[in-house]
Amino acid sequence: MKYMMLVYGREDAWTEQERAECMAESTQLCHELASQGRYLGASPLHPVATATCVRVRNGARLTTDGPFAETSEQLGGFFLIEAANLDEAIAIAGRIPAATKGTVEVRPVFELQGLPK
């Protein structure tokens, strides 16, 4: 089963050196997961200030800058993995370096039929 791991944290929680170390450790984890056939994708996101939200209301597209809600933690990146079950996915989420300063939300991916490969 596929699992999406959404990485949340405070953007100001990391020093530049800590951020670089986190990226290096995350890259290493991705290579390990790939060697096991579990890696499907991962990437950090640019700061929340670069976000644009899109809504369609009454047929009109509306765009706004920034996140749609005020929160103490922001979505900072994601991992998409293949795992046998939720317990295995949770074990992998616990190895994501950003979990030490933030939150990793683990959610099973609903596999919709008919999508392109």
C-alpha atoms as a PDB file:
ATOM      1  CA  MET A   1       0.000   0.000   0.000  1.00  0.00           C
ATOM      2  CA  LYS A   2       1.135   3.542  -0.698  1.00  0.00           C
ATOM      3  CA  TYR A   3       1.483   6.039   2.145  1.00  0.00           C
ATOM      4  CA  MET A   4       1.908   9.799   1.969  1.00  0.00           C
ATOM      5  CA  MET A   5       3.951  11.302   4.755  1.00  0.00           C
ATOM      6  CA  LEU A   6       3.352  15.011   5.150  1.00  0.00           C
ATOM      7  CA  VAL A   7       6.127  16.758   7.056  1.00  0.00           C
ATOM      8  CA  TYR A   8       5.039  19.731   9.173  1.00  0.00           C
ATOM      9  CA  GLY A   9       7.184  22.042  11.247  1.00  0.00           C
ATOM     10  CA  ARG A  10       8.000  25.608  12.119  1.00  0.00           C
ATOM     11  CA  GLU A  11      10.044  27.162   9.350  1.00  0.00           C
ATOM     12  CA  ASP A  12      12.128  29.053  11.916  1.00  0.00           C
ATOM     13  CA  ALA A  13      12.926  25.930  13.970  1.00  0.00           C
ATOM     14  CA  TRP A  14      16.080  25.081  11.998  1.00  0.00           C
ATOM     15  CA  THR A  15      19.457  26.730  11.742  1.00  0.00           C
ATOM     16  CA  GLU A  16      20.993  26.627   8.264  1.00  0.00           C
ATOM     17  CA  GLN A  17      23.383  23.898   9.407  1.00  0.00           C
ATOM     18  CA  GLU A  18      20.557  21.840  10.939  1.00  0.00           C
ATOM     19  CA  ARG A  19      18.515  22.231   7.741  1.00  0.00           C
ATOM     20  CA  ALA A  20      21.456  21.039   5.627  1.00  0.00           C
ATOM     21  CA  GLU A  21      21.986  18.037   7.928  1.00  0.00           C
ATOM     22  CA  CYS A  22      18.257  17.237   7.790  1.00  0.00           C
ATOM     23  CA  MET A  23      18.316  17.321   3.978  1.00  0.00           C
ATOM     24  CA  ALA A  24      21.391  15.063   3.867  1.00  0.00           C
ATOM     25  CA  GLU A  25      19.849  12.550   6.302  1.00  0.00           C
ATOM     26  CA  SER A  26      16.537  12.639   4.417  1.00  0.00           C
ATOM     27  CA  THR A  27      18.336  11.993   1.116  1.00  0.00           C
ATOM     28  CA  GLN A  28      20.145   9.056   2.696  1.00  0.00           C
ATOM     29  CA  LEU A  29      16.805   7.657   3.937  1.00  0.00           C
ATOM     30  CA  CYS A  30      15.348   8.017   0.424  1.00  0.00           C
ATOM     31  CA  HIS A  31      18.253   6.028  -1.059  1.00  0.00           C
ATOM     32  CA  GLU A  32      17.781   3.314   1.565  1.00  0.00           C
ATOM     33  CA  LEU A  33      14.043   3.122   0.857  1.00  0.00           C
ATOM     34  CA  ALA A  34      14.764   3.006  -2.902  1.00  0.00           C
ATOM     35  CA  SER A  35      17.125   0.054  -2.427  1.00  0.00           C
ATOM     36  CA  GLN A  36      14.238  -1.748  -0.684  1.00  0.00           C
ATOM     37  CA  GLY A  37      11.711  -0.877  -3.399  1.00  0.00           C
ATOM     38  CA  ARG A  38       9.729   1.370  -1.027  1.00  0.00           C
ATOM     39  CA  TYR A  39      10.639   4.849  -2.319  1.00  0.00           C
ATOM     40  CA  LEU A  40       8.083   6.489  -4.613  1.00  0.00           C
ATOM     41  CA  GLY A  41       8.982  10.169  -4.173  1.00  0.00           C
ATOM     42  CA  ALA A  42      10.007  12.856  -1.692  1.00  0.00           C
ATOM     43  CA  SER A  43      10.834  16.537  -1.674  1.00  0.00           C
ATOM     44  CA  PRO A  44      11.070  19.526   0.620  1.00  0.00           C
ATOM     45  CA  LEU A  45       8.896  22.510  -0.231  1.00  0.00           C
ATOM     46  CA  HIS A  46       9.859  26.158  -0.574  1.00  0.00           C
ATOM     47  CA  PRO A  47       8.774  28.396   2.352  1.00  0.00           C
ATOM     48  CA  VAL A  48       5.073  28.951   2.923  1.00  0.00           C
ATOM     49  CA  ALA A  49       5.475  32.586   1.821  1.00  0.00           C
ATOM     50  CA  THR A  50       5.865  31.270  -1.753  1.00  0.00           C
ATOM     51  CA  ALA A  51       2.529  29.404  -1.657  1.00  0.00           C
ATOM     52  CA  THR A  52      -0.477  30.296  -3.771  1.00  0.00           C
ATOM     53  CA  CYS A  53      -3.928  28.944  -2.926  1.00  0.00           C
ATOM     54  CA  VAL A  54      -6.489  28.326  -5.666  1.00  0.00           C
ATOM     55  CA  ARG A  55     -10.238  28.114  -5.117  1.00  0.00           C
ATOM     56  CA  VAL A  56     -13.074  27.937  -7.636  1.00  0.00           C
ATOM     57  CA  ARG A  57     -16.320  29.578  -6.540  1.00  0.00           C
ATOM     58  CA  ASN A  58     -19.332  29.965  -8.828  1.00  0.00           C
ATOM     59  CA  GLY A  59     -17.151  29.052 -11.799  1.00  0.00           C
ATOM     60  CA  ALA A  60     -14.534  31.736 -11.051  1.00  0.00           C
ATOM     61  CA  ARG A  61     -10.969  30.896 -10.113  1.00  0.00           C
ATOM     62  CA  LEU A  62      -9.701  32.831  -7.089  1.00  0.00           C
ATOM     63  CA  THR A  63      -6.057  32.913  -6.042  1.00  0.00           C
ATOM     64  CA  THR A  64      -4.556  34.135  -2.793  1.00  0.00           C
ATOM     65  CA  ASP A  65      -0.998  34.255  -1.524  1.00  0.00           C
ATOM     66  CA  GLY A  66       0.207  32.111   1.327  1.00  0.00           C
ATOM     67  CA  PRO A  67      -1.380  29.324   3.316  1.00  0.00           C
ATOM     68  CA  PHE A  68      -5.126  29.046   3.696  1.00  0.00           C
ATOM     69  CA  ALA A  69      -5.043  28.918   7.501  1.00  0.00           C
ATOM     70  CA  GLU A  70      -2.928  30.297  10.308  1.00  0.00           C
ATOM     71  CA  THR A  71      -1.022  27.455  11.959  1.00  0.00           C
ATOM     72  CA  SER A  72       2.016  27.115  14.174  1.00  0.00           C
ATOM     73  CA  GLU A  73       3.475  24.455  11.856  1.00  0.00           C
ATOM     74  CA  GLN A  74       3.652  24.621   8.075  1.00  0.00           C
ATOM     75  CA  LEU A  75       3.759  21.872   5.467  1.00  0.00           C
ATOM     76  CA  GLY A  76       7.446  21.629   4.658  1.00  0.00           C
ATOM     77  CA  GLY A  77       7.732  18.535   2.484  1.00  0.00           C
ATOM     78  CA  PHE A  78       6.560  15.036   1.755  1.00  0.00           C
ATOM     79  CA  PHE A  79       7.580  11.433   1.307  1.00  0.00           C
ATOM     80  CA  LEU A  80       5.581   8.980  -0.789  1.00  0.00           C
ATOM     81  CA  ILE A  81       6.407   5.390   0.076  1.00  0.00           C
ATOM     82  CA  GLU A  82       5.273   1.811  -0.383  1.00  0.00           C
ATOM     83  CA  ALA A  83       4.784  -0.090   2.886  1.00  0.00           C
ATOM     84  CA  ALA A  84       3.206  -3.397   3.834  1.00  0.00           C
ATOM     85  CA  ASN A  85       0.974  -1.805   6.463  1.00  0.00           C
ATOM     86  CA  LEU A  86       0.459   1.220   8.701  1.00  0.00           C
ATOM     87  CA  ASP A  87       2.885  -0.059  11.348  1.00  0.00           C
ATOM     88  CA  GLU A  88       5.682  -0.256   8.792  1.00  0.00           C
ATOM     89  CA  ALA A  89       4.798   3.228   7.475  1.00  0.00           C
ATOM     90  CA  ILE A  90       4.850   4.635  11.011  1.00  0.00           C
ATOM     91  CA  ALA A  91       8.271   3.079  11.623  1.00  0.00           C
ATOM     92  CA  ILE A  92       9.597   4.790   8.481  1.00  0.00           C
ATOM     93  CA  ALA A  93       7.975   8.103   9.464  1.00  0.00           C
ATOM     94  CA  GLY A  94       9.821   7.918  12.780  1.00  0.00           C
ATOM     95  CA  ARG A  95      13.106   7.868  10.844  1.00  0.00           C
ATOM     96  CA  ILE A  96      12.386  11.101   8.970  1.00  0.00           C
ATOM     97  CA  PRO A  97      14.762  13.647  10.526  1.00  0.00           C
ATOM     98  CA  ALA A  98      12.172  16.450  10.552  1.00  0.00           C
ATOM     99  CA  ALA A  99      10.067  14.416  13.006  1.00  0.00           C
ATOM    100  CA  THR A 100      12.518  15.510  15.719  1.00  0.00           C
ATOM    101  CA  LYS A 101      11.335  19.132  15.480  1.00  0.00           C
ATOM    102  CA  GLY A 102       7.928  18.833  13.877  1.00  0.00           C
ATOM    103  CA  THR A 103       5.205  16.366  12.948  1.00  0.00           C
ATOM    104  CA  VAL A 104       4.978  13.721  10.246  1.00  0.00           C
ATOM    105  CA  GLU A 105       1.398  12.932   9.257  1.00  0.00           C
ATOM    106  CA  VAL A 106       1.035   9.432   7.794  1.00  0.00           C
ATOM    107  CA  ARG A 107      -1.918   8.785   5.508  1.00  0.00           C
ATOM    108  CA  PRO A 108      -2.739   5.873   3.217  1.00  0.00           C
ATOM    109  CA  VAL A 109      -3.113   6.885  -0.408  1.00  0.00           C
ATOM    110  CA  PHE A 110      -6.452   6.101  -2.016  1.00  0.00           C
ATOM    111  CA  GLU A 111      -5.497   4.459  -5.293  1.00  0.00           C
ATOM    112  CA  LEU A 112      -7.964   5.744  -7.833  1.00  0.00           C
ATOM    113  CA  GLN A 113      -8.398   3.529 -10.887  1.00  0.00           C
ATOM    114  CA  GLY A 114      -8.068   5.029 -14.358  1.00  0.00           C
ATOM    115  CA  LEU A 115      -5.301   7.540 -13.585  1.00  0.00           C
ATOM    116  CA  PRO A 116      -2.263   7.665 -15.886  1.00  0.00           C
ATOM    117  CA  LYS A 117       0.740   5.638 -14.809  1.00  0.00           C
END
